[in-house]
Protein backbone atom coordinates (compact mmCIF):
# COMPACT_ATOMS: atom_id res chain seq x y z
CA UNK A 1 190.76 48.37 245.77
CA UNK A 2 191.46 46.43 248.85
CA UNK A 3 190.36 47.86 252.28
CA UNK A 4 187.53 50.00 250.87
CA UNK A 5 184.75 48.01 252.42
CA UNK A 6 183.52 45.67 249.66
CA UNK A 7 183.91 42.45 251.69
CA UNK A 8 182.12 44.02 254.63
CA UNK A 9 179.28 45.11 252.32
CA UNK A 10 179.02 41.55 250.74
CA UNK A 11 178.90 40.03 254.30
CA UNK A 12 176.17 42.34 255.36
CA UNK A 13 174.22 41.54 252.12
CA UNK A 14 174.62 37.88 252.66
CA UNK A 15 173.26 38.09 256.19
CA UNK A 16 170.32 40.21 255.25
CA UNK A 17 169.41 37.95 252.36
CA UNK A 18 169.60 34.92 254.59
CA UNK A 19 167.49 36.58 257.26
CA UNK A 20 164.85 37.37 254.62
CA UNK A 21 164.53 33.65 253.87
CA UNK A 22 166.77 33.56 250.67
CA UNK A 23 169.35 30.77 250.12
CA UNK A 24 172.85 32.04 250.16
CA UNK A 25 175.96 30.22 249.02
CA UNK A 26 179.44 31.73 249.53
CA UNK A 27 182.43 30.57 247.50
CA UNK A 28 185.02 31.79 249.95
CA UNK A 29 188.27 32.25 248.25
CA UNK A 30 190.20 33.82 251.14
CA UNK A 31 188.49 32.08 254.05
CA UNK A 32 186.90 35.16 255.61
CA UNK A 33 183.16 34.45 255.40
CA UNK A 34 182.89 31.48 257.79
CA UNK A 35 181.78 33.57 260.76
CA UNK A 36 179.30 35.42 258.71
CA UNK A 37 177.58 32.34 257.47
CA UNK A 38 177.60 30.62 260.91
CA UNK A 39 175.98 33.74 262.35
CA UNK A 40 172.74 32.93 260.48
CA UNK A 41 172.88 29.22 261.29
CA UNK A 42 174.64 28.25 258.04
CA UNK A 43 177.23 25.50 257.48
CA UNK A 44 180.81 25.89 256.47
CA UNK A 45 182.44 23.16 254.32
CA UNK A 46 186.17 22.86 253.98
CA UNK A 47 187.39 21.61 250.59
CA UNK A 48 188.56 18.38 252.26
CA UNK A 49 184.98 17.42 252.89
CA UNK A 50 183.63 17.87 249.30
CA UNK A 51 184.73 16.74 245.86
CA UNK A 52 184.05 17.15 242.26
CA UNK A 53 184.86 14.59 239.57
CA UNK A 54 185.64 15.92 236.17
CA UNK A 55 185.49 12.59 234.50
CA UNK A 56 182.54 10.65 235.86
CA UNK A 57 180.16 10.17 233.05
CA UNK A 58 176.77 10.26 234.69
CA UNK A 59 175.00 9.16 231.60
CA UNK A 60 177.26 11.12 229.26
CA UNK A 61 179.47 9.39 226.66
CA UNK A 62 183.31 9.57 227.20
CA UNK A 63 183.72 11.63 224.02
CA UNK A 64 181.15 14.18 225.07
CA UNK A 65 182.47 14.46 228.62
CA UNK A 66 186.02 14.81 227.38
CA UNK A 67 185.02 17.64 224.97
CA UNK A 68 183.18 19.49 227.64
CA UNK A 69 185.81 19.25 230.27
CA UNK A 70 188.75 19.79 227.95
CA UNK A 71 187.11 23.05 226.90
CA UNK A 72 186.73 24.03 230.52
CA UNK A 73 190.27 23.26 231.28
CA UNK A 74 191.60 25.00 228.26
CA UNK A 75 189.87 28.24 229.35
CA UNK A 76 190.68 27.93 233.05
CA UNK A 77 194.28 27.04 232.57
CA UNK A 78 194.84 29.20 229.47
CA UNK A 79 196.16 26.30 227.36
CA UNK A 80 197.36 26.98 223.84
CA UNK A 81 196.18 24.96 220.76
CA UNK A 82 198.98 22.31 220.99
CA UNK A 83 198.39 21.73 224.70
CA UNK A 84 194.65 21.47 224.09
CA UNK A 85 195.28 18.73 221.52
CA UNK A 86 197.63 16.86 223.97
CA UNK A 87 194.95 17.17 226.67
CA UNK A 88 192.29 15.48 224.56
CA UNK A 89 194.80 12.60 223.86
CA UNK A 90 195.68 12.28 227.51
CA UNK A 91 191.99 12.09 228.67
CA UNK A 92 191.19 9.49 225.91
CA UNK A 93 194.18 7.37 227.13
CA UNK A 94 192.99 7.72 230.83
CA UNK A 95 189.57 6.49 229.90
CA UNK A 96 191.03 3.58 227.94
CA UNK A 97 193.27 2.65 230.87
CA UNK A 98 190.22 2.41 233.02
CA UNK A 99 188.50 0.11 230.49
CA UNK A 100 185.89 2.72 229.54
CA UNK A 101 185.22 2.74 225.82
CA UNK A 102 182.95 4.89 223.69
CA UNK A 103 181.45 1.94 221.85
CA UNK A 104 180.82 -0.13 225.00
CA UNK A 105 178.00 1.57 227.00
CA UNK A 106 178.27 -1.18 229.69
CA UNK A 107 181.79 0.14 230.51
CA UNK A 108 180.49 3.63 231.22
CA UNK A 109 179.60 2.64 234.78
CA UNK A 110 183.11 1.79 235.65
CA UNK A 111 185.18 3.98 238.08
CA UNK A 112 186.20 7.08 236.12
CA UNK A 113 189.81 8.36 235.85
CA UNK A 114 191.16 10.91 238.25
CA UNK A 115 193.77 13.62 237.81
CA UNK A 116 196.49 11.12 238.85
CA UNK A 117 195.46 8.94 235.90
CA UNK A 118 195.86 11.93 233.54
CA UNK A 119 199.41 12.45 234.90
CA UNK A 120 200.26 8.85 234.17
CA UNK A 121 198.87 9.19 230.62
CA UNK A 122 201.03 12.33 230.25
CA UNK A 123 204.17 10.44 231.30
CA UNK A 124 203.39 7.61 228.80
CA UNK A 125 202.82 10.07 226.01
CA UNK A 126 205.94 12.02 226.92
CA UNK A 127 208.01 8.86 226.79
CA UNK A 128 206.93 8.58 223.16
CA UNK A 129 207.21 12.22 222.29
CA UNK A 130 209.36 14.56 224.33
CA UNK A 131 207.56 17.86 223.78
CA UNK A 132 207.85 20.87 225.95
CA UNK A 133 204.08 21.74 225.45
CA UNK A 134 203.22 18.35 226.81
CA UNK A 135 205.61 18.85 229.71
CA UNK A 136 204.02 22.22 230.45
CA UNK A 137 200.57 20.63 230.35
CA UNK A 138 201.64 17.98 232.80
CA UNK A 139 202.82 20.73 235.29
CA UNK A 140 199.46 22.45 235.09
CA UNK A 141 197.61 19.15 235.77
CA UNK A 142 199.95 18.32 238.55
CA UNK A 143 198.86 21.39 240.42
CA UNK A 144 195.25 20.32 240.12
CA UNK A 145 195.98 16.74 241.21
CA UNK A 146 197.68 17.87 244.33
CA UNK A 147 194.44 19.34 245.74
CA UNK A 148 192.66 15.99 246.02
CA UNK A 149 189.37 17.78 245.45
CA UNK A 150 188.97 16.51 241.89
CA UNK A 151 188.54 12.85 242.65
CA UNK A 152 186.53 10.00 241.20
CA UNK A 153 183.25 11.00 242.79
CA UNK A 154 181.26 14.23 243.19
CA UNK A 155 180.37 14.86 246.81
CA UNK A 156 178.52 18.20 247.07
CA UNK A 157 175.70 19.18 249.55
CA UNK A 158 173.62 20.72 246.88
CA UNK A 159 170.31 20.14 248.78
CA UNK A 160 171.70 22.23 251.59
CA UNK A 161 172.81 24.97 249.19
CA UNK A 162 169.25 25.16 247.88
CA UNK A 163 167.53 25.71 251.25
CA UNK A 164 169.85 27.67 253.62
CA UNK A 165 173.19 29.44 254.06
CA UNK A 166 176.33 27.61 253.09
CA UNK A 167 179.95 28.63 252.81
CA UNK A 168 182.58 26.66 250.86
CA UNK A 169 186.08 27.56 252.23
CA UNK A 170 188.33 27.52 249.13
CA UNK A 171 191.37 28.97 250.83
CA UNK A 172 192.82 25.51 251.39
CA UNK A 173 193.07 24.96 247.67
CA UNK A 174 196.67 25.60 246.61
CA UNK A 175 196.32 27.65 243.58
CA UNK A 176 193.97 30.09 241.79
CA UNK A 177 193.73 27.51 238.94
CA UNK A 178 192.22 24.96 241.38
CA UNK A 179 189.90 27.62 242.74
CA UNK A 180 188.77 28.79 239.32
CA UNK A 181 188.10 25.20 238.23
CA UNK A 182 186.17 24.40 241.41
CA UNK A 183 184.12 27.53 240.98
CA UNK A 184 183.04 26.72 237.37
CA UNK A 185 182.43 23.02 237.96
CA UNK A 186 180.44 23.82 241.12
CA UNK A 187 178.28 26.43 239.43
CA UNK A 188 177.48 24.02 236.49
CA UNK A 189 176.40 21.28 238.89
CA UNK A 190 174.41 23.67 241.05
CA UNK A 191 172.51 24.81 237.98
CA UNK A 192 171.76 21.25 236.93
CA UNK A 193 170.56 20.39 240.43
CA UNK A 194 168.31 23.47 240.61
CA UNK A 195 166.87 22.57 237.12
CA UNK A 196 166.07 19.13 238.44
CA UNK A 197 164.18 20.53 241.45
CA UNK A 198 161.04 22.04 240.07
CA UNK A 199 159.91 25.09 241.97
CA UNK A 200 163.16 25.34 243.94
CA UNK A 201 163.90 28.87 245.12
CA UNK A 202 166.76 30.65 243.49
CA UNK A 203 170.17 30.81 245.24
CA UNK A 204 172.34 33.91 245.76
CA UNK A 205 175.91 32.88 245.09
CA UNK A 206 178.68 35.14 246.31
CA UNK A 207 182.08 35.12 244.61
CA UNK A 208 185.05 37.18 245.61
CA UNK A 209 188.34 37.86 243.76
CA UNK A 210 186.50 37.58 240.47
CA UNK A 211 189.37 39.24 238.52
CA UNK A 212 191.45 36.09 239.19
CA UNK A 213 188.69 33.39 238.92
CA UNK A 214 186.60 34.53 236.00
CA UNK A 215 188.68 33.60 232.99
CA UNK A 216 187.63 34.38 229.38
CA UNK A 217 189.51 32.74 226.53
CA UNK A 218 189.87 33.68 222.83
CA UNK A 219 186.75 35.88 222.77
CA UNK A 220 184.71 33.42 224.81
CA UNK A 221 183.44 34.77 228.16
CA UNK A 222 184.11 33.09 231.46
CA UNK A 223 181.32 30.86 232.70
CA UNK A 224 180.44 33.50 235.29
CA UNK A 225 180.26 36.01 232.52
CA UNK A 226 178.01 33.67 230.55
CA UNK A 227 175.72 33.17 233.47
CA UNK A 228 175.47 37.03 233.96
CA UNK A 229 174.87 37.49 230.20
CA UNK A 230 172.09 34.92 230.00
CA UNK A 231 170.40 36.01 233.25
CA UNK A 232 167.28 34.07 234.06
CA UNK A 233 168.38 30.99 232.10
CA UNK A 234 170.20 29.92 235.15
CA UNK A 235 168.69 29.00 238.47
CA UNK A 236 170.83 31.23 240.64
CA UNK A 237 171.93 34.85 240.98
CA UNK A 238 175.47 36.05 241.30
CA UNK A 239 176.98 38.65 243.62
CA UNK A 240 180.47 39.17 242.22
CA UNK A 241 183.11 41.26 243.87
CA UNK A 242 186.56 42.23 242.42
CA UNK A 243 189.64 44.24 243.36
CA UNK A 244 189.60 46.02 240.02
CA UNK A 245 187.53 46.53 236.91
CA UNK A 246 190.35 46.64 234.39
CA UNK A 247 191.36 42.94 234.95
CA UNK A 248 187.76 41.59 235.15
CA UNK A 249 185.94 39.68 232.35
CA UNK A 250 184.20 42.28 230.27
CA UNK A 251 181.11 40.02 230.12
CA UNK A 252 180.82 40.27 233.86
CA UNK A 253 181.17 44.07 233.91
CA UNK A 254 178.83 44.82 230.95
CA UNK A 255 176.05 42.55 232.36
CA UNK A 256 176.15 43.64 235.93
CA UNK A 257 172.50 44.33 237.03
CA UNK A 258 173.29 46.61 239.98
CA UNK A 259 176.86 47.85 239.97
CA UNK A 260 178.29 48.88 243.42
CA UNK A 261 181.62 50.65 243.16
CA UNK A 262 183.91 51.56 246.10
CA UNK A 263 186.91 53.78 245.90
CA UNK A 264 188.99 53.27 242.76
CA UNK A 265 192.62 54.44 242.28
CA UNK A 266 193.97 53.32 238.93
CA UNK A 267 193.18 55.52 235.96
CA UNK A 268 191.81 52.65 233.91
CA UNK A 269 189.54 51.56 236.74
CA UNK A 270 188.19 55.01 237.32
CA UNK A 271 187.34 55.51 233.69
CA UNK A 272 185.71 52.04 233.44
CA UNK A 273 183.76 52.73 236.60
CA UNK A 274 182.56 56.05 235.22
CA UNK A 275 181.33 54.48 232.08
CA UNK A 276 179.64 51.70 233.94
CA UNK A 277 177.70 54.12 236.13
CA UNK A 278 177.02 56.76 233.53
CA UNK A 279 175.18 54.53 231.13
CA UNK A 280 174.60 55.32 227.50
CA UNK A 281 173.76 58.86 226.74
CA UNK A 282 174.82 60.31 230.04
CA UNK A 283 178.47 61.24 229.28
CA UNK A 284 177.97 64.62 230.88
CA UNK A 285 178.13 62.84 234.32
CA UNK A 286 181.43 61.20 233.62
CA UNK A 287 183.70 63.93 235.08
CA UNK A 288 181.67 64.19 238.23
CA UNK A 289 181.50 60.39 238.70
CA UNK A 290 185.30 60.04 238.12
CA UNK A 291 185.92 62.56 240.83
CA UNK A 292 183.54 60.87 243.32
CA UNK A 293 185.04 57.42 242.64
CA UNK A 294 188.51 58.60 243.42
CA UNK A 295 187.63 60.37 246.74
CA UNK A 296 185.23 57.85 248.22
CA UNK A 297 185.94 57.09 251.89
CA UNK A 298 185.95 53.67 253.53
CA UNK A 299 182.50 52.12 253.64
CA UNK A 300 181.21 54.43 250.97
CA UNK A 301 180.14 53.48 247.37
CA UNK A 302 178.37 54.70 244.31
CA UNK A 303 175.62 52.80 242.62
CA UNK A 304 173.41 53.11 239.61
CA UNK A 305 169.64 53.24 239.76
CA UNK A 306 166.91 53.48 237.08
CA UNK A 307 168.99 52.20 234.21
CA UNK A 308 171.72 54.79 234.67
CA UNK A 309 169.64 57.93 235.09
CA UNK A 310 170.45 58.19 238.77
CA UNK A 311 173.74 57.64 240.50
CA UNK A 312 173.64 57.66 244.35
CA UNK A 313 176.32 57.77 246.99
CA UNK A 314 175.80 55.49 249.93
CA UNK A 315 177.62 55.20 253.31
CA UNK A 316 177.09 52.11 255.43
CA UNK A 317 178.05 50.92 258.90
CA UNK A 318 179.88 47.59 258.59
CA UNK A 319 178.61 44.65 260.54
CA UNK A 320 180.74 43.37 263.36
CA UNK A 321 182.20 39.91 262.89
CA UNK A 322 184.69 39.33 265.68
CA UNK A 323 187.18 36.71 264.71
CA UNK A 324 186.10 33.34 266.09
CA UNK A 325 182.85 34.70 267.68
CA UNK A 326 180.67 34.92 264.62
CA UNK A 327 178.02 37.74 264.22
CA UNK A 328 177.69 40.57 266.67
CA UNK A 329 175.18 38.93 269.08
CA UNK A 330 172.71 40.82 271.15
CA UNK A 331 174.32 39.62 274.32
CA UNK A 332 177.20 37.44 275.49
CA UNK A 333 174.70 34.84 276.67
CA UNK A 334 173.10 34.71 273.24
CA UNK A 335 176.58 34.09 271.79
CA UNK A 336 177.12 31.29 274.23
CA UNK A 337 173.58 29.82 273.61
CA UNK A 338 174.30 29.83 269.85
CA UNK A 339 177.58 27.98 270.28
CA UNK A 340 175.92 25.41 272.63
CA UNK A 341 173.13 24.77 270.12
CA UNK A 342 175.80 24.24 267.41
CA UNK A 343 177.63 21.73 269.64
CA UNK A 344 174.54 19.76 270.54
CA UNK A 345 172.90 19.91 267.12
CA UNK A 346 175.80 20.09 264.73
CA UNK A 347 173.88 18.94 261.59
CA UNK A 348 170.71 20.89 262.25
CA UNK A 349 169.81 23.89 260.17
CA UNK A 350 169.62 26.94 262.53
CA UNK A 351 169.22 30.56 261.89
CA UNK A 352 170.02 33.48 264.21
CA UNK A 353 167.99 36.72 264.29
CA UNK A 354 165.67 35.40 261.55
CA UNK A 355 163.06 37.66 260.05
CA UNK A 356 161.78 35.43 257.24
CA UNK A 357 159.41 33.12 259.25
CA UNK A 358 157.19 35.92 260.56
CA UNK A 359 157.52 38.34 257.70
CA UNK A 360 159.84 40.91 259.41
CA UNK A 361 159.38 40.11 263.10
CA UNK A 362 162.68 38.82 264.40
CA UNK A 363 163.06 35.51 266.16
CA UNK A 364 166.34 34.82 268.09
CA UNK A 365 166.83 31.14 267.01
CA UNK A 366 164.94 29.32 264.33
CA UNK A 367 165.03 25.60 263.34
CA UNK A 368 163.14 25.53 260.07
CA UNK A 369 163.00 21.76 259.51
CA UNK A 370 161.55 21.28 263.06
CA UNK A 371 159.15 24.17 262.74
CA UNK A 372 160.51 25.52 266.13
CA UNK A 373 161.76 28.83 267.32
CA UNK A 374 163.58 29.94 270.53
CA UNK A 375 163.20 33.42 272.06
CA UNK A 376 166.11 34.28 274.31
CA UNK A 377 164.55 37.13 276.40
CA UNK A 378 166.71 39.45 278.35
CA UNK A 379 164.72 40.66 281.45
CA UNK A 380 165.32 44.34 280.96
CA UNK A 381 164.68 44.58 277.24
CA UNK A 382 161.53 42.56 277.31
CA UNK A 383 160.15 44.61 280.23
CA UNK A 384 160.10 47.83 278.09
CA UNK A 385 156.82 49.29 277.07
CA UNK A 386 155.27 47.55 274.09
CA UNK A 387 157.48 44.47 274.26
CA UNK A 388 155.01 42.16 275.94
CA UNK A 389 152.38 42.90 273.22
CA UNK A 390 154.96 42.23 270.46
CA UNK A 391 156.02 38.97 272.16
CA UNK A 392 152.40 37.77 272.34
CA UNK A 393 151.94 38.68 268.70
CA UNK A 394 154.89 36.52 267.63
CA UNK A 395 153.61 33.66 269.89
CA UNK A 396 150.17 33.80 268.20
CA UNK A 397 151.46 33.88 264.69
CA UNK A 398 153.71 30.90 265.36
CA UNK A 399 150.83 28.92 266.90
CA UNK A 400 148.65 29.54 263.93
CA UNK A 401 151.46 28.34 261.61
CA UNK A 402 151.83 25.13 263.56
CA UNK A 403 155.27 26.14 265.00
CA UNK A 404 156.47 25.51 268.55
CA UNK A 405 157.99 28.34 270.56
CA UNK A 406 160.47 27.89 273.38
CA UNK A 407 161.19 30.85 275.58
CA UNK A 408 164.17 31.34 277.83
CA UNK A 409 164.01 34.16 280.35
CA UNK A 410 167.62 35.39 280.86
CA UNK A 411 167.89 37.52 284.00
CA UNK A 412 171.68 37.47 283.89
CA UNK A 413 172.23 33.80 283.76
CA UNK A 414 175.59 32.25 284.58
CA UNK A 415 177.34 30.38 281.63
CA UNK A 416 176.42 27.01 283.20
CA UNK A 417 172.79 27.95 283.37
CA UNK A 418 172.83 29.04 279.73
CA UNK A 419 174.29 25.72 278.71
CA UNK A 420 171.63 23.89 280.71
CA UNK A 421 168.79 25.88 279.25
CA UNK A 422 170.10 25.12 275.78
CA UNK A 423 170.35 21.41 276.63
CA UNK A 424 166.76 21.47 277.95
CA UNK A 425 165.52 23.01 274.72
CA UNK A 426 167.54 20.69 272.51
CA UNK A 427 165.98 17.62 274.08
CA UNK A 428 162.51 19.00 273.32
CA UNK A 429 163.19 19.73 269.69
């Protein structure tokens, strides 16, 4: 149900995972996670700055690439049998028009077709055979071509995804079809990249609106459902949220490791939620769970522990993400300092309120690649009993790790002084 607090919970979880040193990637369908990711020094990519090519071969044969992606498009677009056959013919014609032939490996390195090429192949085929199924297929492909994301080359910052916090703002894509296709293609490429990076840490991928983007077809689960079913086979973990259970891929629901359920209203959702939390052999709990699910307040949820033997009710305080200001900073000057660092070092990985470097001790600003940290010390707070000892402990730990520590003493600095202090630190990094 919308407004119950699931997005706030996911944002809080993403921030805590990032601060604990985990890599976080948000596939932001509605454009609401940017401030959250920036608050931990992450980067936000608009769809105009990235791209995924469906038809580049990358060592694969045209026939194999066509079979793989036609299967993906059939599931994502919900194509029928006749449209799927037409799609295969259209793709083959598009490769041929680019001079790429199955029997000629030397041609595989040529520029691959794009969605616009598939539209032209559709038009040529339609001129020979005026079929409404073919016309319907063209309309579906036209929607994908209009996004300009599915071009001739794949441009994805996968190395950044594997070592920090990243948000892909998908709200600019024009349709759920485009978003669903981007999600599946991105996850496949992310998995291939992580497999190639031996010893790479796993990534936590956040996906909202799963009921619209996880699309099973003819008994086959969605790719997200397949990832959750196979578990550790893939190099990333999924945090999936949905407005409802009844419209969600059953493979996603049945393979959820830790279900977190907010208030549910529809009878089908309440029953499905009760079954999910009760677990096998605990049907006596169903009535109680159904009641609790229907009366949960905002920012309250039920979750299952110990393989279904325990169901707990949790209330949480949502984090503050003021629009345009990012995370709830400890002070206005820290917010200004954060913005100033971002302006001076736009491509630098930076984390705010990081707890991963010192195993739980918080550092105000961290620049991991430069092995540098900045402590922005408010005069009053750092004069309290015990603070000096804690500050010295952090300094000593950083020195032993070979890190540099920059300290800014803030006694109520004017904005100009904050910007100058940031400029001084940035020059030394």
